[in-house]
C-alpha atoms as a PDB file:
ATOM      1  CA  MET A   1    -105.505 139.865  -7.278  1.00  0.00           C
ATOM      2  CA  ALA A   2    -103.261 138.846  -4.595  1.00  0.00           C
ATOM      3  CA  LEU A   3     -99.827 140.970  -4.711  1.00  0.00           C
ATOM      4  CA  PRO A   4     -96.490 138.947  -5.118  1.00  0.00           C
ATOM      5  CA  LEU A   5     -94.764 139.106  -1.799  1.00  0.00           C
ATOM      6  CA  ASP A   6     -91.158 141.073  -2.394  1.00  0.00           C
ATOM      7  CA  SER A   7     -88.072 138.763  -1.192  1.00  0.00           C
ATOM      8  CA  ASP A   8     -86.779 142.104   0.625  1.00  0.00           C
ATOM      9  CA  LEU A   9     -89.832 142.842   2.771  1.00  0.00           C
ATOM     10  CA  LEU A  10     -89.702 138.800   3.763  1.00  0.00           C
ATOM     11  CA  ARG A  11     -86.107 139.402   4.772  1.00  0.00           C
ATOM     12  CA  ALA A  12     -87.079 142.318   6.526  1.00  0.00           C
ATOM     13  CA  PHE A  13     -89.938 140.196   8.461  1.00  0.00           C
ATOM     14  CA  LEU A  14     -87.231 137.747   9.128  1.00  0.00           C
ATOM     15  CA  ALA A  15     -84.878 139.894  10.732  1.00  0.00           C
ATOM     16  CA  VAL A  16     -87.218 141.499  13.171  1.00  0.00           C
ATOM     17  CA  SER A  17     -88.904 138.097  14.125  1.00  0.00           C
ATOM     18  CA  ASP A  18     -85.715 136.922  14.938  1.00  0.00           C
ATOM     19  CA  THR A  19     -84.226 139.486  16.973  1.00  0.00           C
ATOM     20  CA  GLY A  20     -87.714 140.291  18.641  1.00  0.00           C
ATOM     21  CA  SER A  21     -87.595 144.347  17.679  1.00  0.00           C
ATOM     22  CA  VAL A  22     -87.000 146.914  14.852  1.00  0.00           C
ATOM     23  CA  THR A  23     -84.133 148.538  16.296  1.00  0.00           C
ATOM     24  CA  ALA A  24     -81.919 144.806  16.431  1.00  0.00           C
ATOM     25  CA  GLY A  25     -83.182 143.707  13.058  1.00  0.00           C
ATOM     26  CA  ALA A  26     -82.149 147.071  11.303  1.00  0.00           C
ATOM     27  CA  ARG A  27     -78.743 146.450  12.846  1.00  0.00           C
ATOM     28  CA  ARG A  28     -78.611 142.742  11.502  1.00  0.00           C
ATOM     29  CA  ILE A  29     -79.052 143.658   7.826  1.00  0.00           C
ATOM     30  CA  GLY A  30     -77.768 146.833   7.927  1.00  0.00           C
ATOM     31  CA  ARG A  31     -80.715 149.352   7.489  1.00  0.00           C
ATOM     32  CA  THR A  32     -81.897 152.572   9.425  1.00  0.00           C
ATOM     33  CA  GLN A  33     -84.727 151.631  11.937  1.00  0.00           C
ATOM     34  CA  SER A  34     -86.832 154.159  10.074  1.00  0.00           C
ATOM     35  CA  ALA A  35     -86.244 151.994   6.613  1.00  0.00           C
ATOM     36  CA  LEU A  36     -86.651 148.618   8.015  1.00  0.00           C
ATOM     37  CA  SER A  37     -90.302 150.136   9.806  1.00  0.00           C
ATOM     38  CA  MET A  38     -91.434 150.882   6.590  1.00  0.00           C
ATOM     39  CA  GLN A  39     -90.652 148.078   5.024  1.00  0.00           C
ATOM     40  CA  ILE A  40     -92.755 146.091   7.590  1.00  0.00           C
ATOM     41  CA  ARG A  41     -95.329 148.294   7.111  1.00  0.00           C
ATOM     42  CA  ARG A  42     -95.293 147.773   3.241  1.00  0.00           C
ATOM     43  CA  LEU A  43     -95.704 144.023   4.071  1.00  0.00           C
ATOM     44  CA  GLU A  44     -98.490 144.645   6.305  1.00  0.00           C
ATOM     45  CA  ASP A  45    -100.174 146.602   3.682  1.00  0.00           C
ATOM     46  CA  VAL A  46     -99.395 143.371   1.121  1.00  0.00           C
ATOM     47  CA  VAL A  47    -100.915 140.757   3.229  1.00  0.00           C
ATOM     48  CA  GLY A  48    -103.813 142.888   4.776  1.00  0.00           C
ATOM     49  CA  HIS A  49    -102.959 142.199   8.111  1.00  0.00           C
ATOM     50  CA  PRO A  50    -100.882 143.063  11.069  1.00  0.00           C
ATOM     51  CA  LEU A  51     -97.982 140.796  11.281  1.00  0.00           C
ATOM     52  CA  PHE A  52     -96.456 142.005  14.429  1.00  0.00           C
ATOM     53  CA  ASP A  53     -98.015 143.549  17.733  1.00  0.00           C
ATOM     54  CA  ARG A  54     -95.914 146.608  19.272  1.00  0.00           C
ATOM     55  CA  LEU A  55     -94.810 146.226  22.909  1.00  0.00           C
ATOM     56  CA  PRO A  56     -93.535 148.466  25.350  1.00  0.00           C
ATOM     57  CA  ARG A  57     -90.016 146.519  24.321  1.00  0.00           C
ATOM     58  CA  GLY A  58     -89.654 144.923  21.354  1.00  0.00           C
ATOM     59  CA  VAL A  59     -92.279 143.070  19.163  1.00  0.00           C
ATOM     60  CA  GLU A  60     -94.052 140.179  19.069  1.00  0.00           C
ATOM     61  CA  LEU A  61     -95.993 138.115  16.327  1.00  0.00           C
ATOM     62  CA  THR A  62     -99.594 137.955  15.851  1.00  0.00           C
ATOM     63  CA  GLU A  63    -101.191 135.069  14.480  1.00  0.00           C
ATOM     64  CA  ARG A  64    -100.616 135.906  11.024  1.00  0.00           C
ATOM     65  CA  GLY A  65     -97.032 136.837  11.427  1.00  0.00           C
ATOM     66  CA  LYS A  66     -96.491 133.320  12.836  1.00  0.00           C
ATOM     67  CA  GLN A  67     -98.653 131.919   9.693  1.00  0.00           C
ATOM     68  CA  LEU A  68     -96.225 133.801   7.137  1.00  0.00           C
ATOM     69  CA  LEU A  69     -92.899 132.881   9.166  1.00  0.00           C
ATOM     70  CA  PRO A  70     -92.193 129.500   7.858  1.00  0.00           C
ATOM     71  CA  TYR A  71     -93.401 130.472   4.419  1.00  0.00           C
ATOM     72  CA  ALA A  72     -90.658 133.390   4.551  1.00  0.00           C
ATOM     73  CA  ARG A  73     -87.843 131.082   6.090  1.00  0.00           C
ATOM     74  CA  ARG A  74     -88.492 128.541   3.115  1.00  0.00           C
ATOM     75  CA  VAL A  75     -88.270 131.710   0.856  1.00  0.00           C
ATOM     76  CA  SER A  76     -85.223 132.807   2.299  1.00  0.00           C
ATOM     77  CA  ARG A  77     -83.528 129.304   2.267  1.00  0.00           C
ATOM     78  CA  LEU A  78     -84.391 128.856  -1.050  1.00  0.00           C
ATOM     79  CA  LEU A  79     -82.883 132.162  -2.965  1.00  0.00           C
ATOM     80  CA  GLU A  80     -79.631 131.307  -0.449  1.00  0.00           C
ATOM     81  CA  GLU A  81     -79.542 127.989  -2.011  1.00  0.00           C
ATOM     82  CA  ALA A  82     -80.239 129.201  -5.451  1.00  0.00           C
ATOM     83  CA  GLY A  83     -77.165 131.923  -5.272  1.00  0.00           C
ATOM     84  CA  ILE A  84     -75.090 129.035  -4.129  1.00  0.00           C
ATOM     85  CA  ALA A  85     -75.764 127.079  -6.749  1.00  0.00           C
ATOM     86  CA  LEU A  86     -75.160 129.643  -9.060  1.00  0.00           C
ATOM     87  CA  ARG A  87     -71.841 130.472  -7.701  1.00  0.00           C
ATOM     88  CA  GLU A  88     -70.718 126.698  -7.437  1.00  0.00           C
ATOM     89  CA  LYS A  89     -68.977 125.024 -10.100  1.00  0.00           C
ATOM     90  CA  PRO A  90     -71.289 122.478 -11.931  1.00  0.00           C
ATOM     91  CA  LEU A  91     -70.916 119.302 -10.208  1.00  0.00           C
ATOM     92  CA  VAL A  92     -70.340 116.016 -12.555  1.00  0.00           C
ATOM     93  CA  GLY A  93     -69.559 112.479 -12.375  1.00  0.00           C
ATOM     94  CA  PRO A  94     -70.123 109.604 -10.279  1.00  0.00           C
ATOM     95  CA  LEU A  95     -70.477 109.365  -6.585  1.00  0.00           C
ATOM     96  CA  ARG A  96     -71.154 106.033  -4.607  1.00  0.00           C
ATOM     97  CA  ILE A  97     -72.323 106.106  -1.027  1.00  0.00           C
ATOM     98  CA  GLY A  98     -73.062 103.204   1.408  1.00  0.00           C
ATOM     99  CA  ILE A  99     -76.001 103.793   4.470  1.00  0.00           C
ATOM    100  CA  PRO A 100     -77.360 101.395   6.802  1.00  0.00           C
ATOM    101  CA  GLU A 101     -81.108 100.386   5.183  1.00  0.00           C
ATOM    102  CA  GLU A 102     -82.417 101.515   8.533  1.00  0.00           C
ATOM    103  CA  TYR A 103     -82.223 105.124   7.051  1.00  0.00           C
ATOM    104  CA  GLY A 104     -83.199 104.183   3.658  1.00  0.00           C
ATOM    105  CA  GLU A 105     -86.554 104.770   4.123  1.00  0.00           C
ATOM    106  CA  ARG A 106     -86.998 108.612   5.592  1.00  0.00           C
ATOM    107  CA  ILE A 107     -83.230 110.351   5.522  1.00  0.00           C
ATOM    108  CA  LEU A 108     -81.711 109.249   2.379  1.00  0.00           C
ATOM    109  CA  PRO A 109     -84.533 109.800   0.036  1.00  0.00           C
ATOM    110  CA  ARG A 110     -85.151 113.699   0.950  1.00  0.00           C
ATOM    111  CA  VAL A 111     -81.379 113.837   0.978  1.00  0.00           C
ATOM    112  CA  LEU A 112     -80.665 112.415  -2.439  1.00  0.00           C
ATOM    113  CA  SER A 113     -83.815 114.315  -3.569  1.00  0.00           C
ATOM    114  CA  ASP A 114     -82.544 117.682  -2.589  1.00  0.00           C
ATOM    115  CA  PHE A 115     -79.042 116.730  -3.909  1.00  0.00           C
ATOM    116  CA  ALA A 116     -80.278 115.802  -7.379  1.00  0.00           C
ATOM    117  CA  GLU A 117     -81.938 119.110  -7.568  1.00  0.00           C
ATOM    118  CA  ARG A 118     -78.892 120.892  -7.045  1.00  0.00           C
ATOM    119  CA  HIS A 119     -76.457 118.814  -8.820  1.00  0.00           C
ATOM    120  CA  PRO A 120     -78.587 117.051 -11.568  1.00  0.00           C
ATOM    121  CA  GLU A 121     -74.980 115.896 -13.242  1.00  0.00           C
ATOM    122  CA  VAL A 122     -73.955 113.729 -10.513  1.00  0.00           C
ATOM    123  CA  GLU A 123     -74.706 110.183 -11.264  1.00  0.00           C
ATOM    124  CA  VAL A 124     -75.511 108.859  -7.572  1.00  0.00           C
ATOM    125  CA  THR A 125     -75.234 105.310  -6.878  1.00  0.00           C
ATOM    126  CA  VAL A 126     -76.639 103.902  -3.345  1.00  0.00           C
ATOM    127  CA  ILE A 127     -75.675 100.953  -1.477  1.00  0.00           C
ATOM    128  CA  CYS A 128     -77.777  99.753   1.466  1.00  0.00           C
ATOM    129  CA  ASP A 129     -75.509  97.289   3.525  1.00  0.00           C
ATOM    130  CA  TYR A 130     -74.083  96.395   6.821  1.00  0.00           C
ATOM    131  CA  SER A 131     -71.563  98.668   8.501  1.00  0.00           C
ATOM    132  CA  SER A 132     -68.881  96.098   7.834  1.00  0.00           C
ATOM    133  CA  HIS A 133     -69.734  95.593   4.411  1.00  0.00           C
ATOM    134  CA  GLN A 134     -69.480  99.270   3.969  1.00  0.00           C
ATOM    135  CA  LEU A 135     -66.002  99.235   5.274  1.00  0.00           C
ATOM    136  CA  ALA A 136     -64.678  96.716   3.380  1.00  0.00           C
ATOM    137  CA  ALA A 137     -65.804  98.887   0.444  1.00  0.00           C
ATOM    138  CA  LEU A 138     -64.379 102.307   1.606  1.00  0.00           C
ATOM    139  CA  ASP A 139     -61.022  99.956   1.733  1.00  0.00           C
ATOM    140  CA  ALA A 140     -61.566  98.569  -1.682  1.00  0.00           C
ATOM    141  CA  ASP A 141     -62.319 102.107  -3.462  1.00  0.00           C
ATOM    142  CA  ALA A 142     -65.832 100.770  -4.240  1.00  0.00           C
ATOM    143  CA  ILE A 143     -67.826 103.443  -2.558  1.00  0.00           C
ATOM    144  CA  ASP A 144     -67.093 107.418  -2.129  1.00  0.00           C
ATOM    145  CA  LEU A 145     -68.760 107.504   1.328  1.00  0.00           C
ATOM    146  CA  ALA A 146     -70.007 105.360   4.042  1.00  0.00           C
ATOM    147  CA  VAL A 147     -72.652 106.291   7.031  1.00  0.00           C
ATOM    148  CA  ILE A 148     -72.130 103.176   9.710  1.00  0.00           C
ATOM    149  CA  PHE A 149     -72.940 102.413  13.207  1.00  0.00           C
ATOM    150  CA  GLU A 150     -70.490 102.295  15.681  1.00  0.00           C
ATOM    151  CA  GLN A 151     -70.593 101.071  19.070  1.00  0.00           C
ATOM    152  CA  ALA A 152     -67.294 101.928  20.498  1.00  0.00           C
ATOM    153  CA  GLU A 153     -65.704 105.712  21.371  1.00  0.00           C
ATOM    154  CA  GLY A 154     -62.829 106.979  19.455  1.00  0.00           C
ATOM    155  CA  THR A 155     -64.382 106.620  16.052  1.00  0.00           C
ATOM    156  CA  THR A 156     -62.035 108.234  12.906  1.00  0.00           C
ATOM    157  CA  GLY A 157     -64.921 109.073  11.093  1.00  0.00           C
ATOM    158  CA  GLU A 158     -67.386 112.082  11.860  1.00  0.00           C
ATOM    159  CA  VAL A 159     -70.200 111.384  14.114  1.00  0.00           C
ATOM    160  CA  LEU A 160     -73.185 112.504  12.690  1.00  0.00           C
ATOM    161  CA  CYS A 161     -75.337 111.936  15.772  1.00  0.00           C
ATOM    162  CA  ILE A 162     -76.115 109.322  18.248  1.00  0.00           C
ATOM    163  CA  ASP A 163     -79.349 107.330  17.849  1.00  0.00           C
ATOM    164  CA  PRO A 164     -80.199 104.859  20.605  1.00  0.00           C
ATOM    165  CA  THR A 165     -81.988 101.327  19.567  1.00  0.00           C
ATOM    166  CA  VAL A 166     -84.675 100.429  21.761  1.00  0.00           C
ATOM    167  CA  TRP A 167     -86.965  97.693  21.763  1.00  0.00           C
ATOM    168  CA  VAL A 168     -90.168  98.787  19.668  1.00  0.00           C
ATOM    169  CA  THR A 169     -93.758  96.657  19.567  1.00  0.00           C
ATOM    170  CA  SER A 170     -97.006  97.493  17.673  1.00  0.00           C
ATOM    171  CA  GLU A 171     -99.561  99.801  19.194  1.00  0.00           C
ATOM    172  CA  THR A 172    -102.065  97.769  18.776  1.00  0.00           C
ATOM    173  CA  HIS A 173    -100.862  94.167  20.041  1.00  0.00           C
ATOM    174  CA  ASN A 174     -99.372  93.428  23.672  1.00  0.00           C
ATOM    175  CA  LEU A 175     -96.300  90.806  22.564  1.00  0.00           C
ATOM    176  CA  HIS A 176     -93.954  92.723  24.581  1.00  0.00           C
ATOM    177  CA  MET A 177     -96.579  91.385  27.981  1.00  0.00           C
ATOM    178  CA  ARG A 178     -95.710  87.521  26.703  1.00  0.00           C
ATOM    179  CA  ARG A 179     -93.257  85.415  27.921  1.00  0.00           C
ATOM    180  CA  PRO A 180     -91.429  83.852  26.437  1.00  0.00           C
ATOM    181  CA  LEU A 181     -91.173  87.105  24.328  1.00  0.00           C
ATOM    182  CA  PRO A 182     -91.208  86.795  20.663  1.00  0.00           C
ATOM    183  CA  ILE A 183     -88.538  88.876  19.063  1.00  0.00           C
ATOM    184  CA  ALA A 184     -87.580  89.950  15.383  1.00  0.00           C
ATOM    185  CA  SER A 185     -84.013  89.271  14.687  1.00  0.00           C
ATOM    186  CA  TYR A 186     -81.398  89.325  11.866  1.00  0.00           C
ATOM    187  CA  PHE A 187     -79.903  86.274  10.151  1.00  0.00           C
ATOM    188  CA  ARG A 188     -76.090  85.669  11.134  1.00  0.00           C
ATOM    189  CA  SER A 189     -75.942  88.997  12.793  1.00  0.00           C
ATOM    190  CA  ALA A 190     -73.511  89.262  15.804  1.00  0.00           C
ATOM    191  CA  TRP A 191     -74.857  92.451  16.911  1.00  0.00           C
ATOM    192  CA  CYS A 192     -78.469  91.329  17.543  1.00  0.00           C
ATOM    193  CA  GLN A 193     -76.819  88.489  19.950  1.00  0.00           C
ATOM    194  CA  ASP A 194     -74.510  90.772  21.557  1.00  0.00           C
ATOM    195  CA  TYR A 195     -76.333  93.733  22.138  1.00  0.00           C
ATOM    196  CA  ALA A 196     -79.854  92.860  21.849  1.00  0.00           C
ATOM    197  CA  VAL A 197     -80.411  89.757  22.896  1.00  0.00           C
ATOM    198  CA  ARG A 198     -77.990  90.297  25.796  1.00  0.00           C
ATOM    199  CA  SER A 199     -79.821  93.374  26.656  1.00  0.00           C
ATOM    200  CA  LEU A 200     -82.839  90.863  27.566  1.00  0.00           C
ATOM    201  CA  GLU A 201     -80.950  88.117  29.146  1.00  0.00           C
ATOM    202  CA  HIS A 202     -79.574  90.973  32.008  1.00  0.00           C
ATOM    203  CA  SER A 203     -83.046  92.322  32.263  1.00  0.00           C
ATOM    204  CA  GLY A 204     -84.054  88.496  33.040  1.00  0.00           C
ATOM    205  CA  ILE A 205     -86.729  88.819  30.192  1.00  0.00           C
ATOM    206  CA  ALA A 206     -87.444  84.896  28.471  1.00  0.00           C
ATOM    207  CA  TYR A 207     -87.617  85.403  24.743  1.00  0.00           C
ATOM    208  CA  ARG A 208     -87.900  83.558  21.606  1.00  0.00           C
ATOM    209  CA  VAL A 209     -86.561  84.336  18.102  1.00  0.00           C
ATOM    210  CA  ALA A 210     -90.162  84.335  16.306  1.00  0.00           C
ATOM    211  CA  TYR A 211     -89.049  85.964  13.115  1.00  0.00           C
ATOM    212  CA  GLN A 212     -85.850  86.145  11.083  1.00  0.00           C
ATOM    213  CA  ALA A 213     -85.075  88.360   8.039  1.00  0.00           C
ATOM    214  CA  ASP A 214     -82.269  90.597   6.532  1.00  0.00           C
ATOM    215  CA  THR A 215     -83.643  93.829   6.620  1.00  0.00           C
ATOM    216  CA  SER A 216     -84.761  96.294   9.032  1.00  0.00           C
ATOM    217  CA  GLY A 217     -87.919  96.854   6.679  1.00  0.00           C
ATOM    218  CA  SER A 218     -88.861  93.298   7.314  1.00  0.00           C
ATOM    219  CA  LEU A 219     -88.500  93.394  11.022  1.00  0.00           C
ATOM    220  CA  ARG A 220     -90.771  96.631  11.053  1.00  0.00           C
ATOM    221  CA  ALA A 221     -93.421  94.305   9.004  1.00  0.00           C
ATOM    222  CA  ALA A 222     -93.030  92.011  11.719  1.00  0.00           C
ATOM    223  CA  MET A 223     -94.056  94.318  14.033  1.00  0.00           C
ATOM    224  CA  ARG A 224     -96.691  95.985  12.601  1.00  0.00           C
ATOM    225  CA  GLY A 225     -98.339  92.748  11.766  1.00  0.00           C
ATOM    226  CA  GLY A 226     -98.239  91.753  15.409  1.00  0.00           C
ATOM    227  CA  LEU A 227     -95.170  89.028  14.594  1.00  0.00           C
ATOM    228  CA  ALA A 228     -92.578  90.051  17.243  1.00  0.00           C
ATOM    229  CA  VAL A 229     -91.105  92.929  19.004  1.00  0.00           C
ATOM    230  CA  ALA A 230     -87.454  94.210  17.706  1.00  0.00           C
ATOM    231  CA  ALA A 231     -84.997  96.237  18.285  1.00  0.00           C
ATOM    232  CA  LEU A 232     -84.786  99.635  16.024  1.00  0.00           C
ATOM    233  CA  SER A 233     -83.002 102.790  15.649  1.00  0.00           C
ATOM    234  CA  ARG A 234     -85.299 105.136  18.113  1.00  0.00           C
ATOM    235  CA  SER A 235     -85.322 107.960  14.872  1.00  0.00           C
ATOM    236  CA  THR A 236     -86.826 104.794  12.933  1.00  0.00           C
ATOM    237  CA  ILE A 237     -89.876 103.632  14.791  1.00  0.00           C
ATOM    238  CA  PRO A 238     -92.675 103.174  11.969  1.00  0.00           C
ATOM    239  CA  GLU A 239     -95.878 104.724  12.657  1.00  0.00           C
ATOM    240  CA  GLY A 240     -98.406 102.536  14.412  1.00  0.00           C
ATOM    241  CA  CYS A 241     -95.589 101.472  16.388  1.00  0.00           C
ATOM    242  CA  ARG A 242     -93.917 102.488  19.935  1.00  0.00           C
ATOM    243  CA  GLU A 243     -90.744 102.145  22.151  1.00  0.00           C
ATOM    244  CA  LEU A 244     -90.602  99.841  25.058  1.00  0.00           C
ATOM    245  CA  THR A 245     -89.114 101.979  28.110  1.00  0.00           C
ATOM    246  CA  ALA A 246     -88.310 101.030  31.596  1.00  0.00           C
ATOM    247  CA  ALA A 247     -91.819 101.656  32.528  1.00  0.00           C
ATOM    248  CA  ASP A 248     -92.511  98.677  30.276  1.00  0.00           C
ATOM    249  CA  GLY A 249     -89.622  96.825  32.167  1.00  0.00           C
ATOM    250  CA  PHE A 250     -87.481  97.100  29.271  1.00  0.00           C
ATOM    251  CA  PRO A 251     -84.205  98.108  29.056  1.00  0.00           C
ATOM    252  CA  LEU A 252     -81.899 100.445  26.186  1.00  0.00           C
ATOM    253  CA  VAL A 253     -79.945  98.122  23.986  1.00  0.00           C
ATOM    254  CA  ASP A 254     -76.957 100.213  22.935  1.00  0.00           C
ATOM    255  CA  ALA A 255     -76.599 104.380  21.991  1.00  0.00           C
ATOM    256  CA  SER A 256     -75.314 103.836  18.230  1.00  0.00           C
ATOM    257  CA  ARG A 257     -73.232 106.289  17.068  1.00  0.00           C
ATOM    258  CA  VAL A 258     -74.255 107.033  13.367  1.00  0.00           C
ATOM    259  CA  VAL A 259     -70.696 107.454  11.627  1.00  0.00           C
ATOM    260  CA  LEU A 260     -69.748 109.177   8.347  1.00  0.00           C
ATOM    261  CA  LYS A 261     -66.784 107.906   6.756  1.00  0.00           C
ATOM    262  CA  ARG A 262     -64.783 109.051   3.293  1.00  0.00           C
ATOM    263  CA  ASN A 263     -63.029 107.088   1.000  1.00  0.00           C
ATOM    264  CA  PRO A 264     -59.088 107.067   2.260  1.00  0.00           C
ATOM    265  CA  GLN A 265     -57.907 107.121  -1.485  1.00  0.00           C
ATOM    266  CA  GLY A 266     -59.230 110.799  -2.293  1.00  0.00           C
ATOM    267  CA  SER A 267     -61.546 113.274  -2.424  1.00  0.00           C
ATOM    268  CA  ASN A 268     -64.525 113.595  -4.632  1.00  0.00           C
ATOM    269  CA  PRO A 269     -65.957 117.300  -5.085  1.00  0.00           C
ATOM    270  CA  ALA A 270     -69.421 115.892  -5.174  1.00  0.00           C
ATOM    271  CA  ALA A 271     -69.018 113.737  -1.922  1.00  0.00           C
ATOM    272  CA  ASP A 272     -67.675 116.871  -0.506  1.00  0.00           C
ATOM    273  CA  ALA A 273     -71.277 118.769  -1.087  1.00  0.00           C
ATOM    274  CA  LEU A 274     -73.571 115.780  -0.014  1.00  0.00           C
ATOM    275  CA  VAL A 275     -71.719 115.667   3.404  1.00  0.00           C
ATOM    276  CA  GLN A 276     -72.886 118.939   4.443  1.00  0.00           C
ATOM    277  CA  MET A 277     -76.605 117.660   3.350  1.00  0.00           C
ATOM    278  CA  LEU A 278     -76.231 114.596   4.951  1.00  0.00           C
ATOM    279  CA  ARG A 279     -75.106 116.647   8.353  1.00  0.00           C
ATOM    280  CA  ASP A 280     -78.260 118.570   7.862  1.00  0.00           C
ATOM    281  CA  ALA A 281     -80.274 115.402   7.604  1.00  0.00           C
ATOM    282  CA  PHE A 282     -78.945 113.499  10.777  1.00  0.00           C
ATOM    283  CA  ARG A 283     -78.657 116.856  13.158  1.00  0.00           C
ATOM    284  CA  PRO A 284     -82.332 116.810  14.611  1.00  0.00           C
ATOM    285  CA  ILE A 285     -81.725 113.209  15.721  1.00  0.00           C
ATOM    286  CA  GLY A 286     -78.730 113.329  17.705  1.00  0.00           C
ATOM    287  CA  PRO A 287     -79.350 116.233  20.423  1.00  0.00           C
ATOM    288  CA  ALA A 288     -83.105 115.200  20.765  1.00  0.00           C
ATOM    289  CA  LEU A 289     -82.065 111.618  21.317  1.00  0.00           C
ATOM    290  CA  VAL A 290     -78.975 111.514  23.236  1.00  0.00           C
ATOM    291  CA  THR A 291     -79.992 109.908  26.281  1.00  0.00           C
END
């Protein structure tokens, strides 16, 4: 029968792993070096394998240690979240958020699932819509938070990340080689004309609008089906598609700023809680994608 992994032993393991030595790890968690070494030995006895290779200066994770590391981080994070949740006053009431449809498939479901687990009494309403409509909804007190795209600097909101817009095509079709280039476009979109189409014109690429829709999901379906290429946020490129780069002869369309704006008419405690989760969700996109 397998022995359970003690959370204190996992914290000791993380302290040594993160600092690279037992001495520094002991200082981090306020233990003596001998006490921390004993905890590591106990953990190694439980798992039945060495977790660290002892080096002349410090330690290094073994293969088993590397295997344990993500689980230890997950347990530590869950315990920390549980402690925060139990100390917090339960949040209740409505919470209304607007977000671009582009992020409705990947980022939003994960964020809302985590939020619902921590705050089950909050009634969340989501509106996937264009940025201009969301700004109008904020001014009308119809939503509490809005995640929008902005091209200009000097925003009054909080920049969550910078997510470049690029031309995207199916990996199994060579549509980008055709002239005129078949493109997918939004209905009645000034952005498509001012940025996406203009980027092609500046590069001397002849094009024709082969597919029109109101949602990015429809544009992604057109790409996967080999009907057209489309301009999408780089972080939302679907499986089976790829970015068309300068090596393919295609320019960057723009570098949209993903901005979080709050309702100017008052604060909502539930909104404050969701804001931090949105920051954490968008953070990996920004630094990796700034060009």
